[in-house]
PDB file of N, CA and C in Angstrom:
ATOM      1  N   MET A   1     -64.687 114.785  31.143  1.00  0.00           N
ATOM      2  CA  MET A   1     -66.011 115.158  31.577  1.00  0.00           C
ATOM      3  C   MET A   1     -66.049 115.051  33.104  1.00  0.00           C
ATOM      4  N   THR A   2     -66.468 116.082  33.763  1.00  0.00           N
ATOM      5  CA  THR A   2     -66.506 116.077  35.222  1.00  0.00           C
ATOM      6  C   THR A   2     -67.893 115.695  35.706  1.00  0.00           C
ATOM      7  N   ASP A   3     -67.905 115.041  36.857  1.00  0.00           N
ATOM      8  CA  ASP A   3     -69.180 114.661  37.460  1.00  0.00           C
ATOM      9  C   ASP A   3     -69.784 115.875  38.145  1.00  0.00           C
ATOM     10  N   PRO A   4     -71.094 116.077  37.995  1.00  0.00           N
ATOM     11  CA  PRO A   4     -71.700 117.209  38.681  1.00  0.00           C
ATOM     12  C   PRO A   4     -71.683 116.983  40.190  1.00  0.00           C
ATOM     13  N   ALA A   5     -71.446 118.045  40.919  1.00  0.00           N
ATOM     14  CA  ALA A   5     -71.418 117.943  42.374  1.00  0.00           C
ATOM     15  C   ALA A   5     -72.840 117.764  42.892  1.00  0.00           C
ATOM     16  N   PRO A   6     -73.013 116.962  43.939  1.00  0.00           N
ATOM     17  CA  PRO A   6     -74.350 116.806  44.493  1.00  0.00           C
ATOM     18  C   PRO A   6     -74.828 118.116  45.096  1.00  0.00           C
ATOM     19  N   SER A   7     -76.118 118.312  45.052  1.00  0.00           N
ATOM     20  CA  SER A   7     -76.676 119.544  45.595  1.00  0.00           C
ATOM     21  C   SER A   7     -76.451 119.589  47.102  1.00  0.00           C
ATOM     22  N   PRO A   8     -76.352 120.788  47.670  1.00  0.00           N
ATOM     23  CA  PRO A   8     -76.095 120.904  49.113  1.00  0.00           C
ATOM     24  C   PRO A   8     -77.194 120.213  49.919  1.00  0.00           C
ATOM     25  N   GLY A   9     -76.779 119.533  50.969  1.00  0.00           N
ATOM     26  CA  GLY A   9     -77.744 118.856  51.828  1.00  0.00           C
ATOM     27  C   GLY A   9     -78.073 117.448  51.382  1.00  0.00           C
ATOM     28  N   HIS A  10     -77.548 117.020  50.249  1.00  0.00           N
ATOM     29  CA  HIS A  10     -77.816 115.674  49.747  1.00  0.00           C
ATOM     30  C   HIS A  10     -76.507 114.903  49.689  1.00  0.00           C
ATOM     31  N   ALA A  11     -76.469 113.801  50.390  1.00  0.00           N
ATOM     32  CA  ALA A  11     -75.297 112.931  50.340  1.00  0.00           C
ATOM     33  C   ALA A  11     -75.449 111.994  49.153  1.00  0.00           C
ATOM     34  N   PRO A  12     -74.348 111.634  48.505  1.00  0.00           N
ATOM     35  CA  PRO A  12     -74.455 110.682  47.399  1.00  0.00           C
ATOM     36  C   PRO A  12     -74.934 109.324  47.904  1.00  0.00           C
ATOM     37  N   ILE A  13     -75.531 108.562  47.034  1.00  0.00           N
ATOM     38  CA  ILE A  13     -76.043 107.246  47.390  1.00  0.00           C
ATOM     39  C   ILE A  13     -74.866 106.300  47.576  1.00  0.00           C
ATOM     40  N   ASP A  14     -74.842 105.617  48.719  1.00  0.00           N
ATOM     41  CA  ASP A  14     -73.736 104.724  49.019  1.00  0.00           C
ATOM     42  C   ASP A  14     -73.824 103.426  48.226  1.00  0.00           C
ATOM     43  N   SER A  15     -75.040 102.912  48.076  1.00  0.00           N
ATOM     44  CA  SER A  15     -75.203 101.615  47.445  1.00  0.00           C
ATOM     45  C   SER A  15     -76.531 101.564  46.702  1.00  0.00           C
ATOM     46  N   ALA A  16     -76.577 100.723  45.691  1.00  0.00           N
ATOM     47  CA  ALA A  16     -77.823 100.537  44.953  1.00  0.00           C
ATOM     48  C   ALA A  16     -78.686  99.450  45.573  1.00  0.00           C
ATOM     49  N   LEU A  17     -78.171  98.809  46.637  1.00  0.00           N
ATOM     50  CA  LEU A  17     -78.943  97.749  47.278  1.00  0.00           C
ATOM     51  C   LEU A  17     -80.182  98.320  47.956  1.00  0.00           C
ATOM     52  N   PRO A  18     -81.294  97.597  47.851  1.00  0.00           N
ATOM     53  CA  PRO A  18     -82.467  98.038  48.597  1.00  0.00           C
ATOM     54  C   PRO A  18     -82.247  97.831  50.094  1.00  0.00           C
ATOM     55  N   SER A  19     -83.113  98.402  50.883  1.00  0.00           N
ATOM     56  CA  SER A  19     -82.953  98.291  52.330  1.00  0.00           C
ATOM     57  C   SER A  19     -83.086  96.834  52.767  1.00  0.00           C
ATOM     58  N   THR A  20     -82.560  96.555  53.946  1.00  0.00           N
ATOM     59  CA  THR A  20     -82.627  95.199  54.483  1.00  0.00           C
ATOM     60  C   THR A  20     -84.069  94.761  54.690  1.00  0.00           C
ATOM     61  N   GLY A  21     -84.908  95.680  55.158  1.00  0.00           N
ATOM     62  CA  GLY A  21     -86.319  95.357  55.362  1.00  0.00           C
ATOM     63  C   GLY A  21     -87.014  94.950  54.075  1.00  0.00           C
ATOM     64  N   ALA A  22     -86.710  95.645  52.989  1.00  0.00           N
ATOM     65  CA  ALA A  22     -87.319  95.308  51.701  1.00  0.00           C
ATOM     66  C   ALA A  22     -86.856  93.936  51.221  1.00  0.00           C
ATOM     67  N   ARG A  23     -85.576  93.628  51.426  1.00  0.00           N
ATOM     68  CA  ARG A  23     -85.072  92.319  51.014  1.00  0.00           C
ATOM     69  C   ARG A  23     -85.665  91.200  51.854  1.00  0.00           C
ATOM     70  N   VAL A  24     -85.856  91.455  53.150  1.00  0.00           N
ATOM     71  CA  VAL A  24     -86.461  90.446  54.023  1.00  0.00           C
ATOM     72  C   VAL A  24     -87.915  90.209  53.620  1.00  0.00           C
ATOM     73  N   LEU A  25     -88.650  91.291  53.351  1.00  0.00           N
ATOM     74  CA  LEU A  25     -90.039  91.137  52.917  1.00  0.00           C
ATOM     75  C   LEU A  25     -90.140  90.378  51.594  1.00  0.00           C
ATOM     76  N   ALA A  26     -89.214  90.628  50.682  1.00  0.00           N
ATOM     77  CA  ALA A  26     -89.212  89.902  49.414  1.00  0.00           C
ATOM     78  C   ALA A  26     -88.961  88.415  49.656  1.00  0.00           C
ATOM     79  N   MET A  27     -88.043  88.088  50.533  1.00  0.00           N
ATOM     80  CA  MET A  27     -87.752  86.689  50.833  1.00  0.00           C
ATOM     81  C   MET A  27     -88.940  86.009  51.495  1.00  0.00           C
ATOM     82  N   VAL A  28     -89.596  86.709  52.424  1.00  0.00           N
ATOM     83  CA  VAL A  28     -90.784  86.154  53.068  1.00  0.00           C
ATOM     84  C   VAL A  28     -91.882  85.902  52.038  1.00  0.00           C
ATOM     85  N   ALA A  29     -92.068  86.836  51.097  1.00  0.00           N
ATOM     86  CA  ALA A  29     -93.081  86.659  50.059  1.00  0.00           C
ATOM     87  C   ALA A  29     -92.769  85.442  49.187  1.00  0.00           C
ATOM     88  N   ILE A  30     -91.508  85.233  48.872  1.00  0.00           N
ATOM     89  CA  ILE A  30     -91.116  84.083  48.050  1.00  0.00           C
ATOM     90  C   ILE A  30     -91.389  82.779  48.791  1.00  0.00           C
ATOM     91  N   VAL A  31     -91.043  82.732  50.075  1.00  0.00           N
ATOM     92  CA  VAL A  31     -91.271  81.516  50.864  1.00  0.00           C
ATOM     93  C   VAL A  31     -92.761  81.232  51.010  1.00  0.00           C
ATOM     94  N   VAL A  32     -93.552  82.261  51.305  1.00  0.00           N
ATOM     95  CA  VAL A  32     -95.004  82.073  51.452  1.00  0.00           C
ATOM     96  C   VAL A  32     -95.621  81.605  50.140  1.00  0.00           C
ATOM     97  N   ALA A  33     -95.182  82.182  49.031  1.00  0.00           N
ATOM     98  CA  ALA A  33     -95.710  81.757  47.732  1.00  0.00           C
ATOM     99  C   ALA A  33     -95.338  80.305  47.447  1.00  0.00           C
ATOM    100  N   GLY A  34     -94.127  79.899  47.796  1.00  0.00           N
ATOM    101  CA  GLY A  34     -93.722  78.506  47.600  1.00  0.00           C
ATOM    102  C   GLY A  34     -94.554  77.547  48.422  1.00  0.00           C
ATOM    103  N   ILE A  35     -94.795  77.911  49.667  1.00  0.00           N
ATOM    104  CA  ILE A  35     -95.624  77.055  50.525  1.00  0.00           C
ATOM    105  C   ILE A  35     -97.043  76.951  49.973  1.00  0.00           C
ATOM    106  N   CYS A  36     -97.618  78.084  49.611  1.00  0.00           N
ATOM    107  CA  CYS A  36     -98.991  78.074  49.076  1.00  0.00           C
ATOM    108  C   CYS A  36     -99.073  77.300  47.761  1.00  0.00           C
ATOM    109  N   GLY A  37     -98.107  77.509  46.869  1.00  0.00           N
ATOM    110  CA  GLY A  37     -98.097  76.776  45.607  1.00  0.00           C
ATOM    111  C   GLY A  37     -97.962  75.287  45.815  1.00  0.00           C
ATOM    112  N   GLY A  38     -97.131  74.904  46.777  1.00  0.00           N
ATOM    113  CA  GLY A  38     -96.969  73.479  47.078  1.00  0.00           C
ATOM    114  C   GLY A  38     -98.234  72.860  47.644  1.00  0.00           C
ATOM    115  N   LEU A  39     -98.873  73.557  48.564  1.00  0.00           N
ATOM    116  CA  LEU A  39    -100.111  73.037  49.151  1.00  0.00           C
ATOM    117  C   LEU A  39    -101.232  72.930  48.123  1.00  0.00           C
ATOM    118  N   ILE A  40    -101.349  73.948  47.282  1.00  0.00           N
ATOM    119  CA  ILE A  40    -102.388  73.916  46.246  1.00  0.00           C
ATOM    120  C   ILE A  40    -102.119  72.801  45.250  1.00  0.00           C
ATOM    121  N   GLY A  41    -100.871  72.691  44.789  1.00  0.00           N
ATOM    122  CA  GLY A  41    -100.530  71.640  43.835  1.00  0.00           C
ATOM    123  C   GLY A  41    -100.755  70.249  44.401  1.00  0.00           C
ATOM    124  N   TYR A  42    -100.366  70.053  45.656  1.00  0.00           N
ATOM    125  CA  TYR A  42    -100.549  68.748  46.291  1.00  0.00           C
ATOM    126  C   TYR A  42    -102.028  68.399  46.412  1.00  0.00           C
ATOM    127  N   LYS A  43    -102.831  69.326  46.903  1.00  0.00           N
ATOM    128  CA  LYS A  43    -104.240  69.026  47.142  1.00  0.00           C
ATOM    129  C   LYS A  43    -104.998  68.807  45.832  1.00  0.00           C
ATOM    130  N   VAL A  44    -104.723  69.603  44.806  1.00  0.00           N
ATOM    131  CA  VAL A  44    -105.386  69.403  43.513  1.00  0.00           C
ATOM    132  C   VAL A  44    -105.008  68.049  42.932  1.00  0.00           C
ATOM    133  N   ALA A  45    -103.738  67.680  43.020  1.00  0.00           N
ATOM    134  CA  ALA A  45    -103.312  66.385  42.499  1.00  0.00           C
ATOM    135  C   ALA A  45    -103.902  65.246  43.321  1.00  0.00           C
ATOM    136  N   GLN A  46    -103.983  65.415  44.624  1.00  0.00           N
ATOM    137  CA  GLN A  46    -104.554  64.375  45.479  1.00  0.00           C
ATOM    138  C   GLN A  46    -106.037  64.177  45.186  1.00  0.00           C
ATOM    139  N   LEU A  47    -106.748  65.252  44.926  1.00  0.00           N
ATOM    140  CA  LEU A  47    -108.168  65.137  44.596  1.00  0.00           C
ATOM    141  C   LEU A  47    -108.387  64.574  43.196  1.00  0.00           C
ATOM    142  N   SER A  48    -107.460  64.849  42.287  1.00  0.00           N
ATOM    143  CA  SER A  48    -107.610  64.380  40.901  1.00  0.00           C
ATOM    144  C   SER A  48    -107.226  62.925  40.742  1.00  0.00           C
ATOM    145  N   LEU A  49    -106.184  62.498  41.426  1.00  0.00           N
ATOM    146  CA  LEU A  49    -105.677  61.137  41.309  1.00  0.00           C
ATOM    147  C   LEU A  49    -106.168  60.347  42.521  1.00  0.00           C
ATOM    148  N   THR A  50    -106.961  59.322  42.276  1.00  0.00           N
ATOM    149  CA  THR A  50    -107.569  58.602  43.395  1.00  0.00           C
ATOM    150  C   THR A  50    -106.709  57.458  43.928  1.00  0.00           C
ATOM    151  N   ASP A  51    -106.078  56.668  43.072  1.00  0.00           N
ATOM    152  CA  ASP A  51    -105.381  55.460  43.520  1.00  0.00           C
ATOM    153  C   ASP A  51    -103.863  55.542  43.360  1.00  0.00           C
ATOM    154  N   GLU A  52    -103.291  56.723  43.331  1.00  0.00           N
ATOM    155  CA  GLU A  52    -101.863  56.861  43.057  1.00  0.00           C
ATOM    156  C   GLU A  52    -101.006  56.934  44.316  1.00  0.00           C
ATOM    157  N   GLY A  53    -101.572  56.994  45.488  1.00  0.00           N
ATOM    158  CA  GLY A  53    -100.784  57.144  46.706  1.00  0.00           C
ATOM    159  C   GLY A  53    -100.410  58.605  46.918  1.00  0.00           C
ATOM    160  N   ASP A  54     -99.284  58.813  47.586  1.00  0.00           N
ATOM    161  CA  ASP A  54     -98.863  60.182  47.876  1.00  0.00           C
ATOM    162  C   ASP A  54     -97.639  60.624  47.081  1.00  0.00           C
ATOM    163  N   LEU A  55     -97.030  59.726  46.309  1.00  0.00           N
ATOM    164  CA  LEU A  55     -95.815  60.095  45.590  1.00  0.00           C
ATOM    165  C   LEU A  55     -96.107  61.087  44.468  1.00  0.00           C
ATOM    166  N   ILE A  56     -97.058  60.771  43.609  1.00  0.00           N
ATOM    167  CA  ILE A  56     -97.368  61.661  42.469  1.00  0.00           C
ATOM    168  C   ILE A  56     -97.901  63.008  42.961  1.00  0.00           C
ATOM    169  N   PRO A  57     -98.871  63.040  43.881  1.00  0.00           N
ATOM    170  CA  PRO A  57     -99.303  64.359  44.381  1.00  0.00           C
ATOM    171  C   PRO A  57     -98.173  65.131  45.058  1.00  0.00           C
ATOM    172  N   GLY A  58     -97.272  64.436  45.730  1.00  0.00           N
ATOM    173  CA  GLY A  58     -96.135  65.107  46.352  1.00  0.00           C
ATOM    174  C   GLY A  58     -95.218  65.747  45.326  1.00  0.00           C
ATOM    175  N   LEU A  59     -94.964  65.024  44.235  1.00  0.00           N
ATOM    176  CA  LEU A  59     -94.120  65.584  43.174  1.00  0.00           C
ATOM    177  C   LEU A  59     -94.797  66.767  42.487  1.00  0.00           C
ATOM    178  N   ILE A  60     -96.097  66.652  42.274  1.00  0.00           N
ATOM    179  CA  ILE A  60     -96.833  67.765  41.664  1.00  0.00           C
ATOM    180  C   ILE A  60     -96.856  68.957  42.621  1.00  0.00           C
ATOM    181  N   GLY A  61     -96.997  68.682  43.920  1.00  0.00           N
ATOM    182  CA  GLY A  61     -96.934  69.760  44.906  1.00  0.00           C
ATOM    183  C   GLY A  61     -95.581  70.436  44.922  1.00  0.00           C
ATOM    184  N   LEU A  62     -94.509  69.663  44.789  1.00  0.00           N
ATOM    185  CA  LEU A  62     -93.169  70.222  44.735  1.00  0.00           C
ATOM    186  C   LEU A  62     -92.990  71.097  43.493  1.00  0.00           C
ATOM    187  N   ALA A  63     -93.523  70.633  42.367  1.00  0.00           N
ATOM    188  CA  ALA A  63     -93.453  71.434  41.145  1.00  0.00           C
ATOM    189  C   ALA A  63     -94.260  72.725  41.296  1.00  0.00           C
ATOM    190  N   GLY A  64     -95.419  72.631  41.939  1.00  0.00           N
ATOM    191  CA  GLY A  64     -96.224  73.833  42.176  1.00  0.00           C
ATOM    192  C   GLY A  64     -95.509  74.824  43.074  1.00  0.00           C
ATOM    193  N   ALA A  65     -94.813  74.308  44.086  1.00  0.00           N
ATOM    194  CA  ALA A  65     -94.058  75.182  44.985  1.00  0.00           C
ATOM    195  C   ALA A  65     -92.941  75.905  44.233  1.00  0.00           C
ATOM    196  N   ALA A  66     -92.221  75.169  43.400  1.00  0.00           N
ATOM    197  CA  ALA A  66     -91.124  75.777  42.634  1.00  0.00           C
ATOM    198  C   ALA A  66     -91.653  76.818  41.651  1.00  0.00           C
ATOM    199  N   PHE A  67     -92.767  76.497  41.001  1.00  0.00           N
ATOM    200  CA  PHE A  67     -93.348  77.421  40.024  1.00  0.00           C
ATOM    201  C   PHE A  67     -93.818  78.709  40.709  1.00  0.00           C
ATOM    202  N   ALA A  68     -94.524  78.590  41.825  1.00  0.00           N
ATOM    203  CA  ALA A  68     -95.033  79.764  42.532  1.00  0.00           C
ATOM    204  C   ALA A  68     -93.899  80.607  43.104  1.00  0.00           C
ATOM    205  N   ALA A  69     -92.925  79.950  43.723  1.00  0.00           N
ATOM    206  CA  ALA A  69     -91.795  80.685  44.301  1.00  0.00           C
ATOM    207  C   ALA A  69     -90.978  81.374  43.209  1.00  0.00           C
ATOM    208  N   GLY A  70     -90.794  80.705  42.079  1.00  0.00           N
ATOM    209  CA  GLY A  70     -90.059  81.318  40.972  1.00  0.00           C
ATOM    210  C   GLY A  70     -90.757  82.541  40.418  1.00  0.00           C
ATOM    211  N   GLY A  71     -92.078  82.461  40.283  1.00  0.00           N
ATOM    212  CA  GLY A  71     -92.837  83.612  39.779  1.00  0.00           C
ATOM    213  C   GLY A  71     -92.762  84.802  40.717  1.00  0.00           C
ATOM    214  N   VAL A  72     -92.907  84.554  42.001  1.00  0.00           N
ATOM    215  CA  VAL A  72     -92.836  85.648  42.967  1.00  0.00           C
ATOM    216  C   VAL A  72     -91.410  86.181  43.064  1.00  0.00           C
ATOM    217  N   ALA A  73     -90.420  85.325  42.891  1.00  0.00           N
ATOM    218  CA  ALA A  73     -89.028  85.778  42.916  1.00  0.00           C
ATOM    219  C   ALA A  73     -88.743  86.746  41.773  1.00  0.00           C
ATOM    220  N   VAL A  74     -89.261  86.445  40.592  1.00  0.00           N
ATOM    221  CA  VAL A  74     -89.065  87.346  39.446  1.00  0.00           C
ATOM    222  C   VAL A  74     -89.698  88.703  39.728  1.00  0.00           C
ATOM    223  N   VAL A  75     -90.918  88.693  40.226  1.00  0.00           N
ATOM    224  CA  VAL A  75     -91.600  89.949  40.532  1.00  0.00           C
ATOM    225  C   VAL A  75     -90.864  90.700  41.638  1.00  0.00           C
ATOM    226  N   SER A  76     -90.368  89.995  42.642  1.00  0.00           N
ATOM    227  CA  SER A  76     -89.646  90.635  43.745  1.00  0.00           C
ATOM    228  C   SER A  76     -88.370  91.314  43.258  1.00  0.00           C
ATOM    229  N   VAL A  77     -87.640  90.647  42.392  1.00  0.00           N
ATOM    230  CA  VAL A  77     -86.407  91.241  41.856  1.00  0.00           C
ATOM    231  C   VAL A  77     -86.726  92.500  41.058  1.00  0.00           C
ATOM    232  N   LEU A  78     -87.767  92.450  40.255  1.00  0.00           N
ATOM    233  CA  LEU A  78     -88.141  93.634  39.481  1.00  0.00           C
ATOM    234  C   LEU A  78     -88.548  94.789  40.384  1.00  0.00           C
ATOM    235  N   VAL A  79     -89.295  94.490  41.429  1.00  0.00           N
ATOM    236  CA  VAL A  79     -89.722  95.539  42.365  1.00  0.00           C
ATOM    237  C   VAL A  79     -88.524  96.128  43.100  1.00  0.00           C
ATOM    238  N   LEU A  80     -87.595  95.287  43.556  1.00  0.00           N
ATOM    239  CA  LEU A  80     -86.422  95.786  44.271  1.00  0.00           C
ATOM    240  C   LEU A  80     -85.538  96.641  43.369  1.00  0.00           C
ATOM    241  N   ARG A  81     -85.415  96.250  42.124  1.00  0.00           N
ATOM    242  CA  ARG A  81     -84.625  97.068  41.184  1.00  0.00           C
ATOM    243  C   ARG A  81     -85.296  98.400  40.920  1.00  0.00           C
ATOM    244  N   ALA A  82     -86.621  98.390  40.787  1.00  0.00           N
ATOM    245  CA  ALA A  82     -87.353  99.641  40.577  1.00  0.00           C
ATOM    246  C   ALA A  82     -87.222 100.554  41.790  1.00  0.00           C
ATOM    247  N   MET A  83     -87.233  99.956  42.980  1.00  0.00           N
ATOM    248  CA  MET A  83     -87.048 100.760  44.196  1.00  0.00           C
ATOM    249  C   MET A  83     -85.666 101.408  44.219  1.00  0.00           C
ATOM    250  N   GLY A  84     -84.666 100.658  43.794  1.00  0.00           N
ATOM    251  CA  GLY A  84     -83.311 101.208  43.756  1.00  0.00           C
ATOM    252  C   GLY A  84     -83.187 102.360  42.773  1.00  0.00           C
ATOM    253  N   GLU A  85     -83.791 102.202  41.611  1.00  0.00           N
ATOM    254  CA  GLU A  85     -83.754 103.284  40.625  1.00  0.00           C
ATOM    255  C   GLU A  85     -84.527 104.502  41.120  1.00  0.00           C
ATOM    256  N   TRP A  86     -85.653 104.263  41.767  1.00  0.00           N
ATOM    257  CA  TRP A  86     -86.444 105.370  42.285  1.00  0.00           C
ATOM    258  C   TRP A  86     -85.659 106.124  43.363  1.00  0.00           C
ATOM    259  N   LYS A  87     -84.953 105.384  44.203  1.00  0.00           N
ATOM    260  CA  LYS A  87     -84.144 106.004  45.250  1.00  0.00           C
ATOM    261  C   LYS A  87     -83.055 106.881  44.632  1.00  0.00           C
ATOM    262  N   THR A  88     -82.456 106.400  43.555  1.00  0.00           N
ATOM    263  CA  THR A  88     -81.432 107.178  42.864  1.00  0.00           C
ATOM    264  C   THR A  88     -82.020 108.455  42.280  1.00  0.00           C
ATOM    265  N   ILE A  89     -83.185 108.342  41.682  1.00  0.00           N
ATOM    266  CA  ILE A  89     -83.830 109.519  41.086  1.00  0.00           C
ATOM    267  C   ILE A  89     -84.174 110.536  42.166  1.00  0.00           C
ATOM    268  N   VAL A  90     -84.699 110.082  43.291  1.00  0.00           N
ATOM    269  CA  VAL A  90     -85.064 110.997  44.372  1.00  0.00           C
ATOM    270  C   VAL A  90     -83.824 111.680  44.941  1.00  0.00           C
ATOM    271  N   GLU A  91     -82.737 110.931  45.123  1.00  0.00           N
ATOM    272  CA  GLU A  91     -81.528 111.496  45.711  1.00  0.00           C
ATOM    273  C   GLU A  91     -80.838 112.492  44.784  1.00  0.00           C
ATOM    274  N   THR A  92     -80.794 112.190  43.499  1.00  0.00           N
ATOM    275  CA  THR A  92     -80.047 113.036  42.577  1.00  0.00           C
ATOM    276  C   THR A  92     -80.913 114.044  41.846  1.00  0.00           C
ATOM    277  N   GLY A  93     -82.186 113.754  41.706  1.00  0.00           N
ATOM    278  CA  GLY A  93     -83.058 114.639  40.938  1.00  0.00           C
ATOM    279  C   GLY A  93     -82.906 114.452  39.444  1.00  0.00           C
ATOM    280  N   ASP A  94     -82.095 113.495  39.030  1.00  0.00           N
ATOM    281  CA  ASP A  94     -81.832 113.257  37.617  1.00  0.00           C
ATOM    282  C   ASP A  94     -82.291 111.857  37.243  1.00  0.00           C
ATOM    283  N   PRO A  95     -83.307 111.722  36.383  1.00  0.00           N
ATOM    284  CA  PRO A  95     -83.784 110.387  36.016  1.00  0.00           C
ATOM    285  C   PRO A  95     -82.734 109.529  35.321  1.00  0.00           C
ATOM    286  N   ALA A  96     -81.738 110.131  34.721  1.00  0.00           N
ATOM    287  CA  ALA A  96     -80.718 109.364  34.008  1.00  0.00           C
ATOM    288  C   ALA A  96     -79.471 109.126  34.857  1.00  0.00           C
ATOM    289  N   ALA A  97     -79.513 109.462  36.133  1.00  0.00           N
ATOM    290  CA  ALA A  97     -78.322 109.361  36.982  1.00  0.00           C
ATOM    291  C   ALA A  97     -77.823 107.929  37.113  1.00  0.00           C
ATOM    292  N   ALA A  98     -78.745 106.977  37.250  1.00  0.00           N
ATOM    293  CA  ALA A  98     -78.323 105.581  37.413  1.00  0.00           C
ATOM    294  C   ALA A  98     -77.607 105.099  36.166  1.00  0.00           C
ATOM    295  N   ARG A  99     -78.121 105.436  35.011  1.00  0.00           N
ATOM    296  CA  ARG A  99     -77.470 105.014  33.756  1.00  0.00           C
ATOM    297  C   ARG A  99     -76.118 105.701  33.581  1.00  0.00           C
ATOM    298  N   LYS A 100     -76.035 106.968  33.951  1.00  0.00           N
ATOM    299  CA  LYS A 100     -74.757 107.675  33.850  1.00  0.00           C
ATOM    300  C   LYS A 100     -73.717 107.031  34.764  1.00  0.00           C
ATOM    301  N   ALA A 101     -74.127 106.640  35.963  1.00  0.00           N
ATOM    302  CA  ALA A 101     -73.192 106.001  36.893  1.00  0.00           C
ATOM    303  C   ALA A 101     -72.714 104.661  36.339  1.00  0.00           C
ATOM    304  N   GLN A 102     -73.605 103.898  35.707  1.00  0.00           N
ATOM    305  CA  GLN A 102     -73.206 102.623  35.117  1.00  0.00           C
ATOM    306  C   GLN A 102     -72.230 102.842  33.967  1.00  0.00           C
ATOM    307  N   LEU A 103     -72.483 103.826  33.122  1.00  0.00           N
ATOM    308  CA  LEU A 103     -71.577 104.107  32.014  1.00  0.00           C
ATOM    309  C   LEU A 103     -70.218 104.571  32.520  1.00  0.00           C
ATOM    310  N   ASP A 104     -70.213 105.413  33.556  1.00  0.00           N
ATOM    311  CA  ASP A 104     -68.944 105.868  34.112  1.00  0.00           C
ATOM    312  C   ASP A 104     -68.161 104.707  34.704  1.00  0.00           C
ATOM    313  N   ALA A 105     -68.842 103.787  35.370  1.00  0.00           N
ATOM    314  CA  ALA A 105     -68.167 102.631  35.954  1.00  0.00           C
ATOM    315  C   ALA A 105     -67.579 101.733  34.862  1.00  0.00           C
ATOM    316  N   LYS A 106     -68.286 101.587  33.743  1.00  0.00           N
ATOM    317  CA  LYS A 106     -67.758 100.787  32.643  1.00  0.00           C
ATOM    318  C   LYS A 106     -66.546 101.451  32.008  1.00  0.00           C
ATOM    319  N   ARG A 107     -66.571 102.771  31.899  1.00  0.00           N
ATOM    320  CA  ARG A 107     -65.450 103.490  31.302  1.00  0.00           C
ATOM    321  C   ARG A 107     -64.203 103.384  32.167  1.00  0.00           C
ATOM    322  N   ARG A 108     -64.397 103.379  33.478  1.00  0.00           N
ATOM    323  CA  ARG A 108     -63.262 103.282  34.394  1.00  0.00           C
ATOM    324  C   ARG A 108     -62.630 101.896  34.401  1.00  0.00           C
ATOM    325  N   SER A 109     -63.407 100.886  34.071  1.00  0.00           N
ATOM    326  CA  SER A 109     -62.905  99.512  34.105  1.00  0.00           C
ATOM    327  C   SER A 109     -61.967  99.208  32.977  1.00  0.00           C
TER     328      SER A 109
END
C-alpha cells in the first residue's frame, strides 16, 4: 500500500508536538492552578481549624495544590493532543490521517 503524496504547496507535518508557546502556556496554567489551589486549601483549613497551628492547614494546602495542578494538567494534556490532531487534519485534509500514520508506524516496527 503506497502513501498518498501530499497536495502541492503543503509540506508534511514534521512533528506531532504542539508549539512551544502552547506548551509554555499549559505549564503556566498548571503552576497558577497549583498556587491557587494551595492558597485556597490553606486558608479554608486555617479558618476551619482554630487551635491546630500551621501544620495541618499547610498539609491541606499542599494537598489542594496537588489536586488543582493535577486537574489542570489533565485538561492541558487533552487540549494539547486535540491541537495536534487538529493541526494534522488541517495539513492533510484527511480526518483519519493521524490514525493512519500511527498504524503505519506500528507496521514498520
